[in-house]
Amino acid sequence: MIEHFQAGKFLVILGIIIIVIGLIVYFFGNNLHWFGNLPGDIKIEKENFKFYFPITTMVILSVLLSVIIKIIHRFF
């Protein structure tokens, strides 16, 4: 069972992470146009149909989030 103190600490850390991601997108959004268009991302565009499945982007995000979570876990 999660104690109230731990849940509060988790929510504060989650909020800080969301704010940092928002600031990165706000200030560097124009420089991140390559993100989501990496080799390995599947794009199918036809006349009346569009399909997009960003496999490579999801793998990179998963690795980055895993590293960040492990770093945070070590400090707390």
PDB file of N, CA and C in Angstrom:
ATOM      1  N   MET A   1       0.836  -1.177   0.000  1.00  0.00           N
ATOM      2  CA  MET A   1       0.000   0.000   0.000  1.00  0.00           C
ATOM      3  C   MET A   1       0.885   1.246   0.000  1.00  0.00           C
ATOM      4  N   ILE A   2       0.547   2.180  -0.835  1.00  0.00           N
ATOM      5  CA  ILE A   2       1.332   3.411  -0.935  1.00  0.00           C
ATOM      6  C   ILE A   2       0.922   4.357   0.186  1.00  0.00           C
ATOM      7  N   GLU A   3       1.912   4.856   0.881  1.00  0.00           N
ATOM      8  CA  GLU A   3       1.627   5.834   1.920  1.00  0.00           C
ATOM      9  C   GLU A   3       1.294   7.170   1.265  1.00  0.00           C
ATOM     10  N   HIS A   4       0.610   8.024   1.981  1.00  0.00           N
ATOM     11  CA  HIS A   4       0.217   9.322   1.438  1.00  0.00           C
ATOM     12  C   HIS A   4       1.432  10.172   1.099  1.00  0.00           C
ATOM     13  N   PHE A   5       2.469  10.083   1.890  1.00  0.00           N
ATOM     14  CA  PHE A   5       3.669  10.877   1.638  1.00  0.00           C
ATOM     15  C   PHE A   5       4.327  10.452   0.331  1.00  0.00           C
ATOM     16  N   GLN A   6       4.416   9.151   0.098  1.00  0.00           N
ATOM     17  CA  GLN A   6       5.024   8.665  -1.131  1.00  0.00           C
ATOM     18  C   GLN A   6       4.182   9.030  -2.345  1.00  0.00           C
ATOM     19  N   ALA A   7       2.885   8.956  -2.235  1.00  0.00           N
ATOM     20  CA  ALA A   7       2.010   9.316  -3.347  1.00  0.00           C
ATOM     21  C   ALA A   7       2.150  10.797  -3.672  1.00  0.00           C
ATOM     22  N   GLY A   8       2.248  11.631  -2.647  1.00  0.00           N
ATOM     23  CA  GLY A   8       2.433  13.059  -2.871  1.00  0.00           C
ATOM     24  C   GLY A   8       3.759  13.356  -3.534  1.00  0.00           C
ATOM     25  N   LYS A   9       4.800  12.671  -3.105  1.00  0.00           N
ATOM     26  CA  LYS A   9       6.125  12.869  -3.689  1.00  0.00           C
ATOM     27  C   LYS A   9       6.105  12.446  -5.163  1.00  0.00           C
ATOM     28  N   PHE A  10       5.440  11.342  -5.441  1.00  0.00           N
ATOM     29  CA  PHE A  10       5.327  10.863  -6.814  1.00  0.00           C
ATOM     30  C   PHE A  10       4.591  11.882  -7.685  1.00  0.00           C
ATOM     31  N   LEU A  11       3.505  12.451  -7.185  1.00  0.00           N
ATOM     32  CA  LEU A  11       2.746  13.429  -7.953  1.00  0.00           C
ATOM     33  C   LEU A  11       3.547  14.703  -8.210  1.00  0.00           C
ATOM     34  N   VAL A  12       4.336  15.130  -7.242  1.00  0.00           N
ATOM     35  CA  VAL A  12       5.185  16.312  -7.434  1.00  0.00           C
ATOM     36  C   VAL A  12       6.231  16.041  -8.507  1.00  0.00           C
ATOM     37  N   ILE A  13       6.872  14.890  -8.454  1.00  0.00           N
ATOM     38  CA  ILE A  13       7.880  14.540  -9.455  1.00  0.00           C
ATOM     39  C   ILE A  13       7.242  14.425 -10.836  1.00  0.00           C
ATOM     40  N   LEU A  14       6.075  13.804 -10.914  1.00  0.00           N
ATOM     41  CA  LEU A  14       5.369  13.682 -12.181  1.00  0.00           C
ATOM     42  C   LEU A  14       5.006  15.062 -12.739  1.00  0.00           C
ATOM     43  N   GLY A  15       4.570  15.961 -11.886  1.00  0.00           N
ATOM     44  CA  GLY A  15       4.249  17.322 -12.317  1.00  0.00           C
ATOM     45  C   GLY A  15       5.469  18.054 -12.839  1.00  0.00           C
ATOM     46  N   ILE A  16       6.603  17.894 -12.179  1.00  0.00           N
ATOM     47  CA  ILE A  16       7.838  18.541 -12.633  1.00  0.00           C
ATOM     48  C   ILE A  16       8.245  17.999 -13.994  1.00  0.00           C
ATOM     49  N   ILE A  17       8.120  16.688 -14.186  1.00  0.00           N
ATOM     50  CA  ILE A  17       8.466  16.084 -15.473  1.00  0.00           C
ATOM     51  C   ILE A  17       7.563  16.615 -16.577  1.00  0.00           C
ATOM     52  N   ILE A  18       6.270  16.738 -16.299  1.00  0.00           N
ATOM     53  CA  ILE A  18       5.332  17.260 -17.299  1.00  0.00           C
ATOM     54  C   ILE A  18       5.660  18.712 -17.638  1.00  0.00           C
ATOM     55  N   ILE A  19       6.008  19.513 -16.643  1.00  0.00           N
ATOM     56  CA  ILE A  19       6.379  20.907 -16.888  1.00  0.00           C
ATOM     57  C   ILE A  19       7.637  20.996 -17.741  1.00  0.00           C
ATOM     58  N   VAL A  20       8.636  20.166 -17.444  1.00  0.00           N
ATOM     59  CA  VAL A  20       9.876  20.178 -18.222  1.00  0.00           C
ATOM     60  C   VAL A  20       9.602  19.780 -19.674  1.00  0.00           C
ATOM     61  N   ILE A  21       8.802  18.750 -19.887  1.00  0.00           N
ATOM     62  CA  ILE A  21       8.459  18.336 -21.249  1.00  0.00           C
ATOM     63  C   ILE A  21       7.708  19.451 -21.972  1.00  0.00           C
ATOM     64  N   GLY A  22       6.785  20.101 -21.288  1.00  0.00           N
ATOM     65  CA  GLY A  22       6.053  21.212 -21.880  1.00  0.00           C
ATOM     66  C   GLY A  22       6.963  22.361 -22.272  1.00  0.00           C
ATOM     67  N   LEU A  23       7.929  22.690 -21.414  1.00  0.00           N
ATOM     68  CA  LEU A  23       8.869  23.764 -21.732  1.00  0.00           C
ATOM     69  C   LEU A  23       9.752  23.399 -22.922  1.00  0.00           C
ATOM     70  N   ILE A  24      10.182  22.158 -22.994  1.00  0.00           N
ATOM     71  CA  ILE A  24      10.995  21.715 -24.134  1.00  0.00           C
ATOM     72  C   ILE A  24      10.209  21.839 -25.430  1.00  0.00           C
ATOM     73  N   VAL A  25       8.970  21.384 -25.427  1.00  0.00           N
ATOM     74  CA  VAL A  25       8.142  21.470 -26.632  1.00  0.00           C
ATOM     75  C   VAL A  25       7.852  22.926 -26.985  1.00  0.00           C
ATOM     76  N   TYR A  26       7.607  23.760 -25.991  1.00  0.00           N
ATOM     77  CA  TYR A  26       7.283  25.166 -26.237  1.00  0.00           C
ATOM     78  C   TYR A  26       8.470  25.919 -26.846  1.00  0.00           C
ATOM     79  N   PHE A  27       9.651  25.751 -26.264  1.00  0.00           N
ATOM     80  CA  PHE A  27      10.797  26.526 -26.707  1.00  0.00           C
ATOM     81  C   PHE A  27      11.563  25.881 -27.864  1.00  0.00           C
ATOM     82  N   PHE A  28      11.548  24.553 -27.961  1.00  0.00           N
ATOM     83  CA  PHE A  28      12.330  23.870 -28.985  1.00  0.00           C
ATOM     84  C   PHE A  28      11.461  23.075 -29.959  1.00  0.00           C
ATOM     85  N   GLY A  29      10.182  23.365 -30.022  1.00  0.00           N
ATOM     86  CA  GLY A  29       9.263  22.622 -30.881  1.00  0.00           C
ATOM     87  C   GLY A  29       9.628  22.660 -32.342  1.00  0.00           C
ATOM     88  N   ASN A  30      10.141  23.797 -32.821  1.00  0.00           N
ATOM     89  CA  ASN A  30      10.522  23.913 -34.225  1.00  0.00           C
ATOM     90  C   ASN A  30      11.744  23.063 -34.551  1.00  0.00           C
ATOM     91  N   ASN A  31      12.588  22.813 -33.572  1.00  0.00           N
ATOM     92  CA  ASN A  31      13.794  22.023 -33.796  1.00  0.00           C
ATOM     93  C   ASN A  31      13.559  20.528 -33.612  1.00  0.00           C
ATOM     94  N   LEU A  32      12.362  20.138 -33.230  1.00  0.00           N
ATOM     95  CA  LEU A  32      12.059  18.732 -32.995  1.00  0.00           C
ATOM     96  C   LEU A  32      11.215  18.123 -34.117  1.00  0.00           C
ATOM     97  N   HIS A  33      11.226  18.726 -35.311  1.00  0.00           N
ATOM     98  CA  HIS A  33      10.406  18.219 -36.407  1.00  0.00           C
ATOM     99  C   HIS A  33      10.834  16.826 -36.864  1.00  0.00           C
ATOM    100  N   TRP A  34      12.080  16.450 -36.618  1.00  0.00           N
ATOM    101  CA  TRP A  34      12.580  15.121 -36.989  1.00  0.00           C
ATOM    102  C   TRP A  34      12.006  14.036 -36.091  1.00  0.00           C
ATOM    103  N   PHE A  35      11.605  14.427 -34.876  1.00  0.00           N
ATOM    104  CA  PHE A  35      11.105  13.449 -33.915  1.00  0.00           C
ATOM    105  C   PHE A  35       9.724  12.991 -34.353  1.00  0.00           C
ATOM    106  N   GLY A  36       9.570  11.706 -34.582  1.00  0.00           N
ATOM    107  CA  GLY A  36       8.326  11.172 -35.131  1.00  0.00           C
ATOM    108  C   GLY A  36       8.452  10.857 -36.599  1.00  0.00           C
ATOM    109  N   ASN A  37       9.546  11.271 -37.207  1.00  0.00           N
ATOM    110  CA  ASN A  37       9.819  10.974 -38.612  1.00  0.00           C
ATOM    111  C   ASN A  37      11.145  10.237 -38.746  1.00  0.00           C
ATOM    112  N   LEU A  38      11.420   9.354 -37.813  1.00  0.00           N
ATOM    113  CA  LEU A  38      12.677   8.621 -37.804  1.00  0.00           C
ATOM    114  C   LEU A  38      12.598   7.411 -38.726  1.00  0.00           C
ATOM    115  N   PRO A  39      13.762   6.911 -39.176  1.00  0.00           N
ATOM    116  CA  PRO A  39      13.745   5.667 -39.943  1.00  0.00           C
ATOM    117  C   PRO A  39      13.180   4.541 -39.070  1.00  0.00           C
ATOM    118  N   GLY A  40      12.284   3.778 -39.613  1.00  0.00           N
ATOM    119  CA  GLY A  40      11.637   2.719 -38.849  1.00  0.00           C
ATOM    120  C   GLY A  40      10.213   3.074 -38.459  1.00  0.00           C
ATOM    121  N   ASP A  41       9.858   4.349 -38.529  1.00  0.00           N
ATOM    122  CA  ASP A  41       8.479   4.765 -38.298  1.00  0.00           C
ATOM    123  C   ASP A  41       7.671   4.445 -39.561  1.00  0.00           C
ATOM    124  N   ILE A  42       6.544   3.792 -39.384  1.00  0.00           N
ATOM    125  CA  ILE A  42       5.743   3.357 -40.522  1.00  0.00           C
ATOM    126  C   ILE A  42       4.734   4.443 -40.882  1.00  0.00           C
ATOM    127  N   LYS A  43       4.765   4.856 -42.144  1.00  0.00           N
ATOM    128  CA  LYS A  43       3.803   5.830 -42.675  1.00  0.00           C
ATOM    129  C   LYS A  43       3.219   5.277 -43.963  1.00  0.00           C
ATOM    130  N   ILE A  44       1.920   5.204 -44.006  1.00  0.00           N
ATOM    131  CA  ILE A  44       1.232   4.800 -45.225  1.00  0.00           C
ATOM    132  C   ILE A  44       0.208   5.889 -45.522  1.00  0.00           C
ATOM    133  N   GLU A  45       0.370   6.542 -46.652  1.00  0.00           N
ATOM    134  CA  GLU A  45      -0.556   7.601 -47.053  1.00  0.00           C
ATOM    135  C   GLU A  45      -1.108   7.273 -48.432  1.00  0.00           C
ATOM    136  N   LYS A  46      -2.419   7.112 -48.494  1.00  0.00           N
ATOM    137  CA  LYS A  46      -3.097   6.880 -49.763  1.00  0.00           C
ATOM    138  C   LYS A  46      -4.154   7.958 -49.936  1.00  0.00           C
ATOM    139  N   GLU A  47      -4.923   7.854 -50.955  1.00  0.00           N
ATOM    140  CA  GLU A  47      -5.886   8.897 -51.278  1.00  0.00           C
ATOM    141  C   GLU A  47      -6.856   9.195 -50.138  1.00  0.00           C
ATOM    142  N   ASN A  48      -7.504   8.206 -49.601  1.00  0.00           N
ATOM    143  CA  ASN A  48      -8.487   8.402 -48.534  1.00  0.00           C
ATOM    144  C   ASN A  48      -8.074   7.720 -47.236  1.00  0.00           C
ATOM    145  N   PHE A  49      -6.795   7.443 -47.079  1.00  0.00           N
ATOM    146  CA  PHE A  49      -6.365   6.661 -45.931  1.00  0.00           C
ATOM    147  C   PHE A  49      -4.973   7.104 -45.495  1.00  0.00           C
ATOM    148  N   LYS A  50      -4.809   7.291 -44.193  1.00  0.00           N
ATOM    149  CA  LYS A  50      -3.499   7.591 -43.624  1.00  0.00           C
ATOM    150  C   LYS A  50      -3.285   6.696 -42.414  1.00  0.00           C
ATOM    151  N   PHE A  51      -2.105   6.098 -42.347  1.00  0.00           N
ATOM    152  CA  PHE A  51      -1.752   5.252 -41.219  1.00  0.00           C
ATOM    153  C   PHE A  51      -0.351   5.626 -40.790  1.00  0.00           C
ATOM    154  N   TYR A  52      -0.177   5.829 -39.486  1.00  0.00           N
ATOM    155  CA  TYR A  52       1.124   6.228 -38.949  1.00  0.00           C
ATOM    156  C   TYR A  52       1.383   5.443 -37.678  1.00  0.00           C
ATOM    157  N   PHE A  53       2.512   4.731 -37.643  1.00  0.00           N
ATOM    158  CA  PHE A  53       2.875   3.938 -36.481  1.00  0.00           C
ATOM    159  C   PHE A  53       4.351   4.184 -36.176  1.00  0.00           C
ATOM    160  N   PRO A  54       4.650   5.058 -35.198  1.00  0.00           N
ATOM    161  CA  PRO A  54       6.038   5.461 -34.924  1.00  0.00           C
ATOM    162  C   PRO A  54       6.791   4.459 -34.045  1.00  0.00           C
ATOM    163  N   ILE A  55       7.189   3.338 -34.628  1.00  0.00           N
ATOM    164  CA  ILE A  55       7.856   2.281 -33.857  1.00  0.00           C
ATOM    165  C   ILE A  55       9.171   2.789 -33.266  1.00  0.00           C
ATOM    166  N   THR A  56      10.037   3.346 -34.097  1.00  0.00           N
ATOM    167  CA  THR A  56      11.348   3.800 -33.627  1.00  0.00           C
ATOM    168  C   THR A  56      11.206   4.894 -32.576  1.00  0.00           C
ATOM    169  N   THR A  57      10.311   5.819 -32.788  1.00  0.00           N
ATOM    170  CA  THR A  57      10.092   6.897 -31.832  1.00  0.00           C
ATOM    171  C   THR A  57       9.634   6.340 -30.485  1.00  0.00           C
ATOM    172  N   MET A  58       8.737   5.354 -30.502  1.00  0.00           N
ATOM    173  CA  MET A  58       8.261   4.766 -29.250  1.00  0.00           C
ATOM    174  C   MET A  58       9.369   4.013 -28.519  1.00  0.00           C
ATOM    175  N   VAL A  59      10.252   3.336 -29.260  1.00  0.00           N
ATOM    176  CA  VAL A  59      11.361   2.623 -28.625  1.00  0.00           C
ATOM    177  C   VAL A  59      12.307   3.622 -27.957  1.00  0.00           C
ATOM    178  N   ILE A  60      12.627   4.719 -28.650  1.00  0.00           N
ATOM    179  CA  ILE A  60      13.515   5.736 -28.085  1.00  0.00           C
ATOM    180  C   ILE A  60      12.892   6.366 -26.845  1.00  0.00           C
ATOM    181  N   LEU A  61      11.611   6.703 -26.898  1.00  0.00           N
ATOM    182  CA  LEU A  61      10.934   7.264 -25.731  1.00  0.00           C
ATOM    183  C   LEU A  61      10.917   6.284 -24.568  1.00  0.00           C
ATOM    184  N   SER A  62      10.703   5.018 -24.856  1.00  0.00           N
ATOM    185  CA  SER A  62      10.684   4.008 -23.808  1.00  0.00           C
ATOM    186  C   SER A  62      12.040   3.899 -23.122  1.00  0.00           C
ATOM    187  N   VAL A  63      13.108   3.892 -23.895  1.00  0.00           N
ATOM    188  CA  VAL A  63      14.458   3.812 -23.320  1.00  0.00           C
ATOM    189  C   VAL A  63      14.751   5.050 -22.484  1.00  0.00           C
ATOM    190  N   LEU A  64      14.430   6.244 -23.016  1.00  0.00           N
ATOM    191  CA  LEU A  64      14.674   7.485 -22.271  1.00  0.00           C
ATOM    192  C   LEU A  64      13.889   7.529 -20.967  1.00  0.00           C
ATOM    193  N   LEU A  65      12.619   7.164 -21.011  1.00  0.00           N
ATOM    194  CA  LEU A  65      11.808   7.169 -19.801  1.00  0.00           C
ATOM    195  C   LEU A  65      12.304   6.141 -18.784  1.00  0.00           C
ATOM    196  N   SER A  66      12.746   4.985 -19.261  1.00  0.00           N
ATOM    197  CA  SER A  66      13.292   3.977 -18.348  1.00  0.00           C
ATOM    198  C   SER A  66      14.541   4.485 -17.645  1.00  0.00           C
ATOM    199  N   VAL A  67      15.413   5.155 -18.390  1.00  0.00           N
ATOM    200  CA  VAL A  67      16.639   5.704 -17.797  1.00  0.00           C
ATOM    201  C   VAL A  67      16.296   6.791 -16.784  1.00  0.00           C
ATOM    202  N   ILE A  68      15.377   7.672 -17.131  1.00  0.00           N
ATOM    203  CA  ILE A  68      14.979   8.753 -16.223  1.00  0.00           C
ATOM    204  C   ILE A  68      14.370   8.181 -14.949  1.00  0.00           C
ATOM    205  N   ILE A  69      13.508   7.186 -15.086  1.00  0.00           N
ATOM    206  CA  ILE A  69      12.868   6.584 -13.911  1.00  0.00           C
ATOM    207  C   ILE A  69      13.899   5.894 -13.028  1.00  0.00           C
ATOM    208  N   LYS A  70      14.874   5.213 -13.629  1.00  0.00           N
ATOM    209  CA  LYS A  70      15.912   4.555 -12.823  1.00  0.00           C
ATOM    210  C   LYS A  70      16.776   5.579 -12.091  1.00  0.00           C
ATOM    211  N   ILE A  71      17.068   6.697 -12.744  1.00  0.00           N
ATOM    212  CA  ILE A  71      17.855   7.749 -12.092  1.00  0.00           C
ATOM    213  C   ILE A  71      17.077   8.331 -10.920  1.00  0.00           C
ATOM    214  N   ILE A  72      15.800   8.621 -11.120  1.00  0.00           N
ATOM    215  CA  ILE A  72      14.969   9.165 -10.048  1.00  0.00           C
ATOM    216  C   ILE A  72      14.843   8.152  -8.913  1.00  0.00           C
ATOM    217  N   HIS A  73      14.707   6.888  -9.257  1.00  0.00           N
ATOM    218  CA  HIS A  73      14.559   5.844  -8.239  1.00  0.00           C
ATOM    219  C   HIS A  73      15.819   5.734  -7.372  1.00  0.00           C
ATOM    220  N   ARG A  74      16.993   5.938  -7.965  1.00  0.00           N
ATOM    221  CA  ARG A  74      18.241   5.861  -7.193  1.00  0.00           C
ATOM    222  C   ARG A  74      18.340   6.970  -6.166  1.00  0.00           C
ATOM    223  N   PHE A  75      17.842   8.159  -6.521  1.00  0.00           N
ATOM    224  CA  PHE A  75      17.950   9.297  -5.614  1.00  0.00           C
ATOM    225  C   PHE A  75      16.879   9.282  -4.531  1.00  0.00           C
ATOM    226  N   PHE A  76      15.776   8.576  -4.750  1.00  0.00           N
ATOM    227  CA  PHE A  76      14.705   8.544  -3.769  1.00  0.00           C
ATOM    228  C   PHE A  76      14.557   7.157  -3.282  1.00  0.00           C
TER     229      PHE A  76
END
